[in-house]
Amino acid sequence: MKALVFCDDLYHPAATVRAGLAPLAAAGWDFDWVEDATGWPTAALGSYSLALLAKSNVRSHADPTPWLTGAAESIFCDFVRRGGGLVVIHSGVAGYADVVPVRAVTGGIFLSHPPPCAVTVEPQPGHPLTAGVLESFSIHDEHYQIVLDDAQADVFLHTRSVHGVQPAGWTRTEGTGRVCVLTPGHFPEVWLHPMFQQLLTNALRWAARPIVG
């Protein structure tokens, strides 16, 4: 399965995402990459059925200019409505609070985070998106504080720290497409944790299947 990956922003270098997806690539996943979005032709997204957004609303780590403005703001919403699968990781929910179409399709948005700390990731037992993740696990990460806009979103993962409990993984549908959000993922060690690798695999597989009927 091929996916188009959007990554590289001010605080989240592309190297982290590339390292985190390397084991999946070794297992047969095929990834294309958009890092510096300057001049990127948004119509190119239409040639993919699966996308992974791990990029806040900046062109690159060196250019804080927003990359989704004007008509481009709706590319992910339109993509999903037409049957595309979208997986959103960590900074993919950051910087879009005022980008209405992106916020609408993700169903939730980053509000803030305390300094990196010990975070416990708590999967919902028996949920298809947590298959193979049999118990909670601990990571050192940014504990994203989230505003979950979609009350109907299917939350399958929470994160817990001294700063409270937050929704950390949810799915929703839009048109004939699927969206899966995972909010952990600031450090390479988080991406490479075996249980997070399982969550990534589950999310990509689930999102890749369009809704039929």
N, C-alpha and C. Protein backbone atom coordinates (compact mmCIF):
# COMPACT_ATOMS: atom_id res chain seq x y z
N MET A 1 0.84 -1.19 0.00
CA MET A 1 0.00 0.00 0.00
C MET A 1 0.88 1.24 0.00
N LYS A 2 0.52 2.22 -0.80
CA LYS A 2 1.28 3.46 -0.90
C LYS A 2 0.53 4.57 -0.18
N ALA A 3 1.30 5.43 0.51
CA ALA A 3 0.73 6.58 1.19
C ALA A 3 1.60 7.80 0.94
N LEU A 4 0.96 8.96 0.87
CA LEU A 4 1.67 10.22 0.75
C LEU A 4 1.81 10.83 2.14
N VAL A 5 3.04 11.10 2.57
CA VAL A 5 3.31 11.57 3.92
C VAL A 5 3.68 13.06 3.87
N PHE A 6 2.98 13.85 4.69
CA PHE A 6 3.28 15.26 4.86
C PHE A 6 3.96 15.42 6.22
N CYS A 7 5.19 15.95 6.24
CA CYS A 7 5.91 16.10 7.49
C CYS A 7 6.89 17.25 7.37
N ASP A 8 7.55 17.56 8.47
CA ASP A 8 8.57 18.60 8.61
C ASP A 8 7.93 19.94 8.95
N ASP A 9 8.09 20.35 10.19
CA ASP A 9 7.64 21.67 10.59
C ASP A 9 8.60 22.23 11.64
N LEU A 10 8.21 23.32 12.24
CA LEU A 10 9.11 24.09 13.10
C LEU A 10 9.71 23.26 14.23
N TYR A 11 8.88 22.44 14.87
CA TYR A 11 9.32 21.69 16.05
C TYR A 11 9.35 20.18 15.83
N HIS A 12 9.02 19.74 14.63
CA HIS A 12 8.90 18.31 14.36
C HIS A 12 9.60 18.00 13.04
N PRO A 13 10.90 17.71 13.08
CA PRO A 13 11.66 17.49 11.85
C PRO A 13 11.21 16.26 11.09
N ALA A 14 11.39 16.32 9.79
CA ALA A 14 11.03 15.19 8.94
C ALA A 14 11.78 13.93 9.35
N ALA A 15 12.98 14.09 9.88
CA ALA A 15 13.78 12.92 10.26
C ALA A 15 13.07 12.05 11.28
N THR A 16 12.31 12.67 12.18
CA THR A 16 11.57 11.89 13.18
C THR A 16 10.53 11.01 12.53
N VAL A 17 9.78 11.56 11.60
CA VAL A 17 8.73 10.80 10.92
C VAL A 17 9.33 9.74 10.01
N ARG A 18 10.40 10.09 9.31
CA ARG A 18 11.05 9.11 8.44
C ARG A 18 11.57 7.92 9.25
N ALA A 19 12.20 8.22 10.41
CA ALA A 19 12.69 7.14 11.26
C ALA A 19 11.53 6.30 11.79
N GLY A 20 10.43 6.96 12.16
CA GLY A 20 9.30 6.26 12.71
C GLY A 20 8.58 5.38 11.72
N LEU A 21 8.63 5.74 10.44
CA LEU A 21 7.95 4.95 9.42
C LEU A 21 8.89 3.95 8.73
N ALA A 22 10.18 4.04 9.03
CA ALA A 22 11.14 3.13 8.40
C ALA A 22 10.81 1.65 8.63
N PRO A 23 10.42 1.23 9.85
CA PRO A 23 10.08 -0.18 10.03
C PRO A 23 8.87 -0.61 9.19
N LEU A 24 7.92 0.30 9.00
CA LEU A 24 6.76 -0.04 8.18
C LEU A 24 7.16 -0.15 6.72
N ALA A 25 8.09 0.74 6.29
CA ALA A 25 8.58 0.65 4.92
C ALA A 25 9.31 -0.67 4.70
N ALA A 26 10.06 -1.10 5.70
CA ALA A 26 10.77 -2.37 5.60
C ALA A 26 9.80 -3.55 5.53
N ALA A 27 8.60 -3.34 6.09
CA ALA A 27 7.59 -4.39 6.09
C ALA A 27 6.71 -4.36 4.84
N GLY A 28 6.98 -3.42 3.93
CA GLY A 28 6.27 -3.44 2.67
C GLY A 28 5.44 -2.21 2.35
N TRP A 29 5.30 -1.28 3.29
CA TRP A 29 4.58 -0.05 3.00
C TRP A 29 5.43 0.83 2.10
N ASP A 30 4.77 1.56 1.21
CA ASP A 30 5.46 2.43 0.26
C ASP A 30 5.06 3.88 0.55
N PHE A 31 6.04 4.71 0.88
CA PHE A 31 5.75 6.09 1.25
C PHE A 31 6.38 7.08 0.28
N ASP A 32 5.58 8.04 -0.16
CA ASP A 32 6.09 9.22 -0.84
C ASP A 32 6.04 10.38 0.15
N TRP A 33 6.84 11.42 -0.10
CA TRP A 33 7.05 12.43 0.92
C TRP A 33 6.85 13.85 0.40
N VAL A 34 6.18 14.67 1.22
CA VAL A 34 6.13 16.12 1.02
C VAL A 34 6.67 16.74 2.30
N GLU A 35 7.82 17.36 2.20
CA GLU A 35 8.44 18.00 3.37
C GLU A 35 8.34 19.52 3.25
N ASP A 36 9.01 20.10 2.27
CA ASP A 36 8.84 21.52 1.99
C ASP A 36 7.66 21.66 1.04
N ALA A 37 6.56 22.22 1.53
CA ALA A 37 5.33 22.31 0.75
C ALA A 37 5.27 23.54 -0.14
N THR A 38 6.36 24.31 -0.19
CA THR A 38 6.38 25.50 -1.04
C THR A 38 6.19 25.09 -2.49
N GLY A 39 5.13 25.60 -3.10
CA GLY A 39 4.88 25.30 -4.50
C GLY A 39 4.36 23.91 -4.77
N TRP A 40 4.08 23.12 -3.73
CA TRP A 40 3.59 21.77 -3.96
C TRP A 40 2.21 21.82 -4.61
N PRO A 41 2.00 21.10 -5.71
CA PRO A 41 0.70 21.14 -6.40
C PRO A 41 -0.35 20.33 -5.66
N THR A 42 -1.29 20.99 -5.05
CA THR A 42 -2.27 20.31 -4.20
C THR A 42 -3.08 19.26 -4.97
N ALA A 43 -3.22 19.43 -6.29
CA ALA A 43 -3.96 18.45 -7.07
C ALA A 43 -3.28 17.09 -7.06
N ALA A 44 -1.98 17.04 -6.71
CA ALA A 44 -1.25 15.78 -6.70
C ALA A 44 -1.80 14.81 -5.66
N LEU A 45 -2.48 15.33 -4.65
CA LEU A 45 -3.06 14.45 -3.63
C LEU A 45 -4.10 13.51 -4.24
N GLY A 46 -4.73 13.94 -5.32
CA GLY A 46 -5.77 13.13 -5.94
C GLY A 46 -5.29 11.82 -6.53
N SER A 47 -3.98 11.65 -6.70
CA SER A 47 -3.47 10.40 -7.25
C SER A 47 -3.18 9.36 -6.17
N TYR A 48 -3.50 9.69 -4.92
CA TYR A 48 -3.31 8.76 -3.80
C TYR A 48 -4.66 8.40 -3.18
N SER A 49 -4.69 7.26 -2.52
CA SER A 49 -5.88 6.86 -1.78
C SER A 49 -5.66 6.93 -0.28
N LEU A 50 -4.40 7.18 0.14
CA LEU A 50 -4.06 7.22 1.56
C LEU A 50 -3.03 8.31 1.80
N ALA A 51 -3.25 9.09 2.85
CA ALA A 51 -2.32 10.17 3.21
C ALA A 51 -2.07 10.13 4.71
N LEU A 52 -0.87 10.56 5.09
CA LEU A 52 -0.51 10.68 6.51
C LEU A 52 -0.05 12.11 6.75
N LEU A 53 -0.73 12.79 7.66
CA LEU A 53 -0.43 14.19 7.97
C LEU A 53 0.27 14.26 9.32
N ALA A 54 1.57 14.58 9.30
CA ALA A 54 2.35 14.77 10.53
C ALA A 54 3.10 16.10 10.40
N LYS A 55 2.36 17.13 10.03
CA LYS A 55 2.94 18.43 9.71
C LYS A 55 1.97 19.51 10.17
N SER A 56 2.44 20.45 10.97
CA SER A 56 1.59 21.58 11.33
C SER A 56 1.49 22.52 10.14
N ASN A 57 0.76 23.59 10.28
CA ASN A 57 0.48 24.45 9.14
C ASN A 57 1.62 25.42 8.84
N VAL A 58 2.77 24.85 8.47
CA VAL A 58 3.92 25.64 8.00
C VAL A 58 4.50 24.94 6.78
N ARG A 59 5.20 25.70 5.93
CA ARG A 59 5.76 25.11 4.72
C ARG A 59 6.87 24.11 5.03
N SER A 60 7.72 24.44 6.02
CA SER A 60 8.81 23.54 6.40
C SER A 60 9.36 23.99 7.74
N HIS A 61 10.34 23.25 8.25
CA HIS A 61 10.93 23.63 9.54
C HIS A 61 11.63 24.98 9.45
N ALA A 62 12.03 25.37 8.25
CA ALA A 62 12.77 26.62 8.08
C ALA A 62 11.88 27.78 7.62
N ASP A 63 10.63 27.49 7.27
CA ASP A 63 9.72 28.51 6.74
C ASP A 63 8.38 28.41 7.45
N PRO A 64 8.10 29.34 8.37
CA PRO A 64 6.86 29.28 9.15
C PRO A 64 5.63 29.79 8.41
N THR A 65 5.78 30.11 7.13
CA THR A 65 4.62 30.57 6.36
C THR A 65 3.58 29.45 6.27
N PRO A 66 2.30 29.72 6.52
CA PRO A 66 1.27 28.67 6.40
C PRO A 66 1.26 28.07 4.99
N TRP A 67 1.10 26.76 4.92
CA TRP A 67 1.07 26.10 3.62
C TRP A 67 -0.34 25.81 3.15
N LEU A 68 -1.29 25.79 4.08
CA LEU A 68 -2.68 25.61 3.69
C LEU A 68 -3.43 26.91 3.90
N THR A 69 -3.65 27.61 2.81
CA THR A 69 -4.38 28.87 2.84
C THR A 69 -5.33 28.91 1.65
N GLY A 70 -6.34 29.75 1.76
CA GLY A 70 -7.27 29.91 0.64
C GLY A 70 -7.92 28.61 0.23
N ALA A 71 -7.99 28.37 -1.07
CA ALA A 71 -8.64 27.17 -1.59
C ALA A 71 -7.94 25.90 -1.15
N ALA A 72 -6.65 25.97 -0.83
CA ALA A 72 -5.89 24.77 -0.42
C ALA A 72 -6.33 24.25 0.94
N GLU A 73 -7.02 25.08 1.73
CA GLU A 73 -7.43 24.65 3.07
C GLU A 73 -8.33 23.42 3.04
N SER A 74 -9.02 23.21 1.95
CA SER A 74 -10.01 22.14 1.91
C SER A 74 -9.49 20.85 1.29
N ILE A 75 -8.18 20.76 1.00
CA ILE A 75 -7.72 19.59 0.25
C ILE A 75 -7.93 18.29 1.00
N PHE A 76 -7.71 18.26 2.30
CA PHE A 76 -7.87 17.01 3.05
C PHE A 76 -9.33 16.65 3.25
N CYS A 77 -10.15 17.65 3.49
CA CYS A 77 -11.58 17.40 3.63
C CYS A 77 -12.14 16.84 2.33
N ASP A 78 -11.80 17.44 1.20
CA ASP A 78 -12.27 16.96 -0.09
C ASP A 78 -11.73 15.56 -0.38
N PHE A 79 -10.47 15.34 -0.04
CA PHE A 79 -9.83 14.05 -0.26
C PHE A 79 -10.57 12.94 0.47
N VAL A 80 -10.89 13.17 1.73
CA VAL A 80 -11.58 12.15 2.52
C VAL A 80 -13.01 11.95 2.03
N ARG A 81 -13.69 13.02 1.74
CA ARG A 81 -15.08 12.90 1.28
C ARG A 81 -15.18 12.06 0.01
N ARG A 82 -14.15 12.11 -0.82
CA ARG A 82 -14.16 11.34 -2.06
C ARG A 82 -13.72 9.89 -1.85
N GLY A 83 -13.43 9.51 -0.60
CA GLY A 83 -13.08 8.12 -0.32
C GLY A 83 -11.65 7.90 0.11
N GLY A 84 -10.86 8.96 0.27
CA GLY A 84 -9.49 8.82 0.71
C GLY A 84 -9.38 8.49 2.18
N GLY A 85 -8.28 7.89 2.55
CA GLY A 85 -7.99 7.60 3.96
C GLY A 85 -6.95 8.56 4.48
N LEU A 86 -7.19 9.13 5.65
CA LEU A 86 -6.27 10.11 6.24
C LEU A 86 -5.88 9.68 7.65
N VAL A 87 -4.58 9.53 7.88
CA VAL A 87 -4.06 9.26 9.22
C VAL A 87 -3.33 10.52 9.68
N VAL A 88 -3.68 11.02 10.85
CA VAL A 88 -3.12 12.27 11.38
C VAL A 88 -2.33 11.94 12.63
N ILE A 89 -1.05 12.34 12.65
CA ILE A 89 -0.18 12.01 13.78
C ILE A 89 0.36 13.29 14.41
N HIS A 90 0.23 13.41 15.72
CA HIS A 90 0.86 14.44 16.55
C HIS A 90 0.68 15.84 15.96
N SER A 91 1.71 16.41 15.35
CA SER A 91 1.62 17.82 14.92
C SER A 91 0.64 18.03 13.78
N GLY A 92 0.08 16.96 13.25
CA GLY A 92 -0.97 17.09 12.25
C GLY A 92 -2.24 17.71 12.78
N VAL A 93 -2.38 17.80 14.11
CA VAL A 93 -3.53 18.50 14.69
C VAL A 93 -3.12 19.85 15.28
N ALA A 94 -1.88 20.29 15.00
CA ALA A 94 -1.38 21.54 15.56
C ALA A 94 -1.29 22.61 14.47
N GLY A 95 -1.67 23.82 14.82
CA GLY A 95 -1.56 24.93 13.89
C GLY A 95 -2.73 25.09 12.96
N TYR A 96 -3.76 24.27 13.14
CA TYR A 96 -4.92 24.33 12.26
C TYR A 96 -6.19 24.77 12.98
N ALA A 97 -6.06 25.34 14.16
CA ALA A 97 -7.24 25.70 14.94
C ALA A 97 -8.17 26.63 14.18
N ASP A 98 -7.59 27.51 13.35
CA ASP A 98 -8.40 28.46 12.60
C ASP A 98 -8.57 28.07 11.14
N VAL A 99 -8.08 26.88 10.77
CA VAL A 99 -8.26 26.38 9.40
C VAL A 99 -9.48 25.46 9.43
N VAL A 100 -10.63 26.03 9.19
CA VAL A 100 -11.90 25.35 9.45
C VAL A 100 -12.02 24.00 8.74
N PRO A 101 -11.69 23.88 7.44
CA PRO A 101 -11.86 22.57 6.80
C PRO A 101 -10.96 21.48 7.37
N VAL A 102 -9.74 21.84 7.79
CA VAL A 102 -8.84 20.84 8.38
C VAL A 102 -9.37 20.43 9.75
N ARG A 103 -9.75 21.40 10.54
CA ARG A 103 -10.29 21.10 11.86
C ARG A 103 -11.56 20.25 11.75
N ALA A 104 -12.35 20.51 10.75
CA ALA A 104 -13.58 19.74 10.57
C ALA A 104 -13.29 18.29 10.24
N VAL A 105 -12.31 18.04 9.37
CA VAL A 105 -12.06 16.67 8.96
C VAL A 105 -11.32 15.87 10.04
N THR A 106 -10.45 16.52 10.82
CA THR A 106 -9.77 15.80 11.89
C THR A 106 -10.69 15.54 13.08
N GLY A 107 -11.67 16.40 13.28
CA GLY A 107 -12.62 16.22 14.37
C GLY A 107 -12.12 16.69 15.72
N GLY A 108 -10.90 17.21 15.77
CA GLY A 108 -10.32 17.70 17.02
C GLY A 108 -9.05 18.45 16.73
N ILE A 109 -8.58 19.19 17.72
CA ILE A 109 -7.44 20.07 17.48
C ILE A 109 -6.57 20.18 18.72
N PHE A 110 -5.29 20.41 18.50
CA PHE A 110 -4.32 20.65 19.57
C PHE A 110 -4.60 21.99 20.25
N LEU A 111 -4.60 21.99 21.58
CA LEU A 111 -4.78 23.22 22.34
C LEU A 111 -3.46 23.70 22.91
N SER A 112 -2.73 22.80 23.60
CA SER A 112 -1.46 23.15 24.23
C SER A 112 -0.80 21.86 24.71
N HIS A 113 0.42 22.00 25.24
CA HIS A 113 1.04 20.87 25.90
C HIS A 113 1.98 21.38 26.99
N PRO A 114 2.08 20.64 28.10
CA PRO A 114 3.07 20.96 29.14
C PRO A 114 4.44 20.52 28.66
N PRO A 115 5.49 20.77 29.42
CA PRO A 115 6.80 20.23 29.06
C PRO A 115 6.74 18.71 28.94
N PRO A 116 7.59 18.12 28.11
CA PRO A 116 7.60 16.65 27.98
C PRO A 116 7.67 15.97 29.34
N CYS A 117 6.93 14.89 29.45
CA CYS A 117 6.80 14.22 30.74
C CYS A 117 6.48 12.75 30.51
N ALA A 118 6.37 12.01 31.60
CA ALA A 118 5.95 10.61 31.52
C ALA A 118 4.47 10.55 31.16
N VAL A 119 4.17 9.83 30.12
CA VAL A 119 2.80 9.71 29.61
C VAL A 119 2.45 8.23 29.50
N THR A 120 1.31 7.85 30.02
CA THR A 120 0.82 6.49 29.88
C THR A 120 -0.23 6.45 28.78
N VAL A 121 -0.02 5.57 27.82
CA VAL A 121 -0.95 5.40 26.70
C VAL A 121 -1.88 4.24 27.03
N GLU A 122 -3.18 4.53 27.02
CA GLU A 122 -4.17 3.55 27.47
C GLU A 122 -5.09 3.17 26.31
N PRO A 123 -4.92 1.95 25.76
CA PRO A 123 -5.78 1.51 24.66
C PRO A 123 -7.12 0.99 25.16
N GLN A 124 -8.14 1.13 24.33
CA GLN A 124 -9.44 0.55 24.66
C GLN A 124 -9.41 -0.93 24.30
N PRO A 125 -9.59 -1.81 25.27
CA PRO A 125 -9.51 -3.25 24.98
C PRO A 125 -10.57 -3.67 23.96
N GLY A 126 -10.16 -4.54 23.06
CA GLY A 126 -11.10 -5.11 22.11
C GLY A 126 -11.44 -4.25 20.91
N HIS A 127 -10.87 -3.06 20.85
CA HIS A 127 -11.17 -2.18 19.72
C HIS A 127 -10.30 -2.58 18.52
N PRO A 128 -10.84 -2.54 17.30
CA PRO A 128 -10.04 -2.93 16.13
C PRO A 128 -8.77 -2.10 15.96
N LEU A 129 -8.80 -0.84 16.36
CA LEU A 129 -7.62 0.02 16.19
C LEU A 129 -6.55 -0.24 17.25
N THR A 130 -6.87 -1.02 18.29
CA THR A 130 -5.87 -1.36 19.30
C THR A 130 -5.51 -2.84 19.26
N ALA A 131 -5.86 -3.52 18.19
CA ALA A 131 -5.51 -4.94 18.04
C ALA A 131 -4.00 -5.10 18.16
N GLY A 132 -3.57 -6.02 19.00
CA GLY A 132 -2.15 -6.25 19.21
C GLY A 132 -1.53 -5.38 20.29
N VAL A 133 -2.29 -4.42 20.78
CA VAL A 133 -1.83 -3.55 21.88
C VAL A 133 -2.61 -4.00 23.11
N LEU A 134 -2.06 -4.92 23.85
CA LEU A 134 -2.83 -5.63 24.86
C LEU A 134 -2.91 -4.91 26.20
N GLU A 135 -2.03 -3.93 26.41
CA GLU A 135 -2.04 -3.24 27.69
C GLU A 135 -1.49 -1.84 27.54
N SER A 136 -1.68 -1.03 28.58
CA SER A 136 -1.14 0.32 28.58
C SER A 136 0.39 0.29 28.54
N PHE A 137 0.98 1.35 28.00
CA PHE A 137 2.43 1.46 27.97
C PHE A 137 2.85 2.90 28.24
N SER A 138 4.06 3.06 28.73
CA SER A 138 4.54 4.38 29.15
C SER A 138 5.59 4.90 28.17
N ILE A 139 5.52 6.20 27.90
CA ILE A 139 6.46 6.86 27.02
C ILE A 139 6.83 8.22 27.61
N HIS A 140 7.92 8.79 27.14
CA HIS A 140 8.28 10.17 27.47
C HIS A 140 7.90 11.00 26.24
N ASP A 141 6.94 11.91 26.42
CA ASP A 141 6.37 12.58 25.26
C ASP A 141 5.77 13.92 25.65
N GLU A 142 5.38 14.69 24.64
CA GLU A 142 4.53 15.85 24.89
C GLU A 142 3.10 15.34 25.10
N HIS A 143 2.50 15.75 26.21
CA HIS A 143 1.14 15.30 26.48
C HIS A 143 0.17 16.32 25.88
N TYR A 144 -0.25 16.05 24.66
CA TYR A 144 -1.13 16.99 23.96
C TYR A 144 -2.46 17.13 24.68
N GLN A 145 -2.82 18.39 24.92
CA GLN A 145 -4.14 18.73 25.43
C GLN A 145 -5.02 19.03 24.22
N ILE A 146 -6.15 18.37 24.15
CA ILE A 146 -6.94 18.31 22.91
C ILE A 146 -8.35 18.90 23.12
N VAL A 147 -8.82 19.60 22.11
CA VAL A 147 -10.24 19.95 22.02
C VAL A 147 -10.85 18.99 21.00
N LEU A 148 -11.70 18.09 21.47
CA LEU A 148 -12.35 17.13 20.58
C LEU A 148 -13.68 17.72 20.13
N ASP A 149 -13.73 18.16 18.88
CA ASP A 149 -14.91 18.85 18.37
C ASP A 149 -16.05 17.89 18.05
N ASP A 150 -15.71 16.71 17.55
CA ASP A 150 -16.72 15.76 17.09
C ASP A 150 -17.14 14.85 18.23
N ALA A 151 -18.33 15.10 18.76
CA ALA A 151 -18.82 14.30 19.88
C ALA A 151 -19.09 12.85 19.46
N GLN A 152 -19.20 12.61 18.17
CA GLN A 152 -19.47 11.26 17.67
C GLN A 152 -18.19 10.51 17.29
N ALA A 153 -17.05 11.14 17.45
CA ALA A 153 -15.80 10.46 17.13
C ALA A 153 -15.63 9.22 18.01
N ASP A 154 -15.08 8.18 17.44
CA ASP A 154 -14.88 6.91 18.15
C ASP A 154 -13.50 6.94 18.81
N VAL A 155 -13.46 7.25 20.09
CA VAL A 155 -12.20 7.37 20.82
C VAL A 155 -11.76 5.98 21.29
N PHE A 156 -10.58 5.56 20.84
CA PHE A 156 -10.08 4.23 21.19
C PHE A 156 -8.80 4.27 22.01
N LEU A 157 -8.30 5.49 22.29
CA LEU A 157 -7.02 5.62 22.98
C LEU A 157 -7.06 6.88 23.84
N HIS A 158 -6.53 6.77 25.06
CA HIS A 158 -6.36 7.93 25.94
C HIS A 158 -4.90 8.00 26.40
N THR A 159 -4.49 9.20 26.76
CA THR A 159 -3.18 9.38 27.39
C THR A 159 -3.38 9.98 28.77
N ARG A 160 -2.54 9.53 29.71
CA ARG A 160 -2.66 9.96 31.10
C ARG A 160 -1.29 10.41 31.61
N SER A 161 -1.27 11.54 32.32
CA SER A 161 -0.05 12.02 32.96
C SER A 161 -0.45 12.81 34.19
N VAL A 162 0.52 13.45 34.85
CA VAL A 162 0.20 14.30 35.99
C VAL A 162 -0.67 15.47 35.57
N HIS A 163 -0.79 15.69 34.26
CA HIS A 163 -1.58 16.80 33.74
C HIS A 163 -3.00 16.38 33.36
N GLY A 164 -3.37 15.14 33.68
CA GLY A 164 -4.73 14.69 33.44
C GLY A 164 -4.82 13.63 32.36
N VAL A 165 -6.05 13.42 31.89
CA VAL A 165 -6.35 12.41 30.87
C VAL A 165 -6.87 13.11 29.62
N GLN A 166 -6.37 12.67 28.47
CA GLN A 166 -6.75 13.28 27.21
C GLN A 166 -7.11 12.22 26.17
N PRO A 167 -8.06 12.53 25.27
CA PRO A 167 -8.25 11.63 24.12
C PRO A 167 -6.99 11.66 23.27
N ALA A 168 -6.51 10.49 22.87
CA ALA A 168 -5.25 10.42 22.14
C ALA A 168 -5.34 9.63 20.84
N GLY A 169 -6.46 9.01 20.60
CA GLY A 169 -6.68 8.30 19.35
C GLY A 169 -8.15 8.21 19.07
N TRP A 170 -8.55 8.61 17.89
CA TRP A 170 -9.97 8.52 17.54
C TRP A 170 -10.12 8.35 16.03
N THR A 171 -11.29 7.84 15.65
CA THR A 171 -11.61 7.70 14.24
C THR A 171 -12.92 8.41 13.95
N ARG A 172 -13.07 8.78 12.71
CA ARG A 172 -14.33 9.35 12.23
C ARG A 172 -14.41 9.12 10.73
N THR A 173 -15.59 9.28 10.19
CA THR A 173 -15.78 9.15 8.75
C THR A 173 -16.30 10.46 8.19
N GLU A 174 -16.02 10.66 6.92
CA GLU A 174 -16.46 11.88 6.21
C GLU A 174 -16.71 11.46 4.78
N GLY A 175 -17.95 11.59 4.31
CA GLY A 175 -18.26 11.10 2.98
C GLY A 175 -18.01 9.61 2.91
N THR A 176 -17.21 9.18 1.94
CA THR A 176 -16.88 7.75 1.82
C THR A 176 -15.45 7.46 2.28
N GLY A 177 -14.85 8.41 3.02
CA GLY A 177 -13.49 8.22 3.50
C GLY A 177 -13.38 8.09 5.00
N ARG A 178 -12.19 7.76 5.46
CA ARG A 178 -11.95 7.51 6.87
C ARG A 178 -10.79 8.37 7.39
N VAL A 179 -10.91 8.75 8.66
CA VAL A 179 -9.88 9.55 9.32
C VAL A 179 -9.52 8.88 10.63
N CYS A 180 -8.22 8.72 10.90
CA CYS A 180 -7.74 8.22 12.18
C CYS A 180 -6.69 9.18 12.71
N VAL A 181 -6.83 9.58 13.96
CA VAL A 181 -5.92 10.53 14.60
C VAL A 181 -5.21 9.85 15.76
N LEU A 182 -3.89 10.04 15.84
CA LEU A 182 -3.07 9.61 16.97
C LEU A 182 -2.28 10.82 17.44
N THR A 183 -2.43 11.23 18.70
CA THR A 183 -1.76 12.46 19.14
C THR A 183 -0.37 12.26 19.72
N PRO A 184 0.06 11.09 20.21
CA PRO A 184 1.46 10.95 20.63
C PRO A 184 2.40 11.07 19.42
N GLY A 185 3.71 11.27 19.69
CA GLY A 185 4.65 11.20 18.59
C GLY A 185 5.65 12.33 18.47
N HIS A 186 6.01 12.99 19.59
CA HIS A 186 6.97 14.08 19.46
C HIS A 186 8.39 13.57 19.23
N PHE A 187 8.74 12.48 19.88
CA PHE A 187 10.12 11.99 19.83
C PHE A 187 10.22 10.72 18.98
N PRO A 188 11.38 10.48 18.35
CA PRO A 188 11.55 9.25 17.57
C PRO A 188 11.30 8.00 18.41
N GLU A 189 11.66 8.05 19.68
CA GLU A 189 11.48 6.88 20.55
C GLU A 189 10.01 6.52 20.70
N VAL A 190 9.13 7.52 20.61
CA VAL A 190 7.70 7.23 20.68
C VAL A 190 7.26 6.49 19.42
N TRP A 191 7.63 7.03 18.26
CA TRP A 191 7.28 6.38 16.99
C TRP A 191 7.79 4.94 16.94
N LEU A 192 8.98 4.72 17.49
CA LEU A 192 9.61 3.41 17.38
C LEU A 192 9.23 2.43 18.48
N HIS A 193 8.44 2.89 19.45
CA HIS A 193 7.96 1.98 20.48
C HIS A 193 7.13 0.87 19.81
N PRO A 194 7.37 -0.38 20.13
CA PRO A 194 6.65 -1.46 19.45
C PRO A 194 5.14 -1.31 19.46
N MET A 195 4.58 -0.82 20.56
CA MET A 195 3.14 -0.69 20.63
C MET A 195 2.63 0.48 19.78
N PHE A 196 3.45 1.54 19.67
CA PHE A 196 3.04 2.64 18.80
C PHE A 196 3.17 2.23 17.34
N GLN A 197 4.18 1.41 17.03
CA GLN A 197 4.27 0.86 15.69
C GLN A 197 3.02 0.05 15.34
N GLN A 198 2.51 -0.69 16.30
CA GLN A 198 1.29 -1.45 16.06
C GLN A 198 0.10 -0.53 15.84
N LEU A 199 0.02 0.53 16.63
CA LEU A 199 -1.06 1.51 16.44
C LEU A 199 -0.98 2.17 15.06
N LEU A 200 0.23 2.52 14.64
CA LEU A 200 0.41 3.11 13.30
C LEU A 200 -0.06 2.15 12.22
N THR A 201 0.35 0.90 12.34
CA THR A 201 -0.03 -0.11 11.34
C THR A 201 -1.54 -0.26 11.30
N ASN A 202 -2.16 -0.36 12.47
CA ASN A 202 -3.62 -0.50 12.54
C ASN A 202 -4.30 0.70 11.90
N ALA A 203 -3.80 1.89 12.21
CA ALA A 203 -4.42 3.12 11.70
C ALA A 203 -4.33 3.19 10.18
N LEU A 204 -3.17 2.89 9.63
CA LEU A 204 -3.01 2.94 8.18
C LEU A 204 -3.87 1.90 7.48
N ARG A 205 -3.91 0.71 8.03
CA ARG A 205 -4.73 -0.34 7.41
C ARG A 205 -6.22 0.03 7.46
N TRP A 206 -6.65 0.56 8.59
CA TRP A 206 -8.07 0.92 8.74
C TRP A 206 -8.43 2.06 7.80
N ALA A 207 -7.60 3.09 7.75
CA ALA A 207 -7.90 4.26 6.92
C ALA A 207 -7.85 3.94 5.43
N ALA A 208 -7.07 2.94 5.06
CA ALA A 208 -6.90 2.61 3.65
C ALA A 208 -8.14 1.97 3.05
N ARG A 209 -9.10 1.56 3.86
CA ARG A 209 -10.28 0.89 3.35
C ARG A 209 -11.43 1.91 3.21
N PRO A 210 -11.81 2.27 1.99
CA PRO A 210 -12.92 3.22 1.84
C PRO A 210 -14.23 2.63 2.29
N ILE A 211 -15.15 3.48 2.62
CA ILE A 211 -16.49 3.06 3.03
C ILE A 211 -17.26 2.65 1.78
N VAL A 212 -17.91 1.51 1.84
CA VAL A 212 -18.67 1.00 0.71
C VAL A 212 -20.16 1.10 1.03
N GLY A 213 -20.93 1.58 0.05
CA GLY A 213 -22.38 1.66 0.25
C GLY A 213 -22.81 2.96 0.87
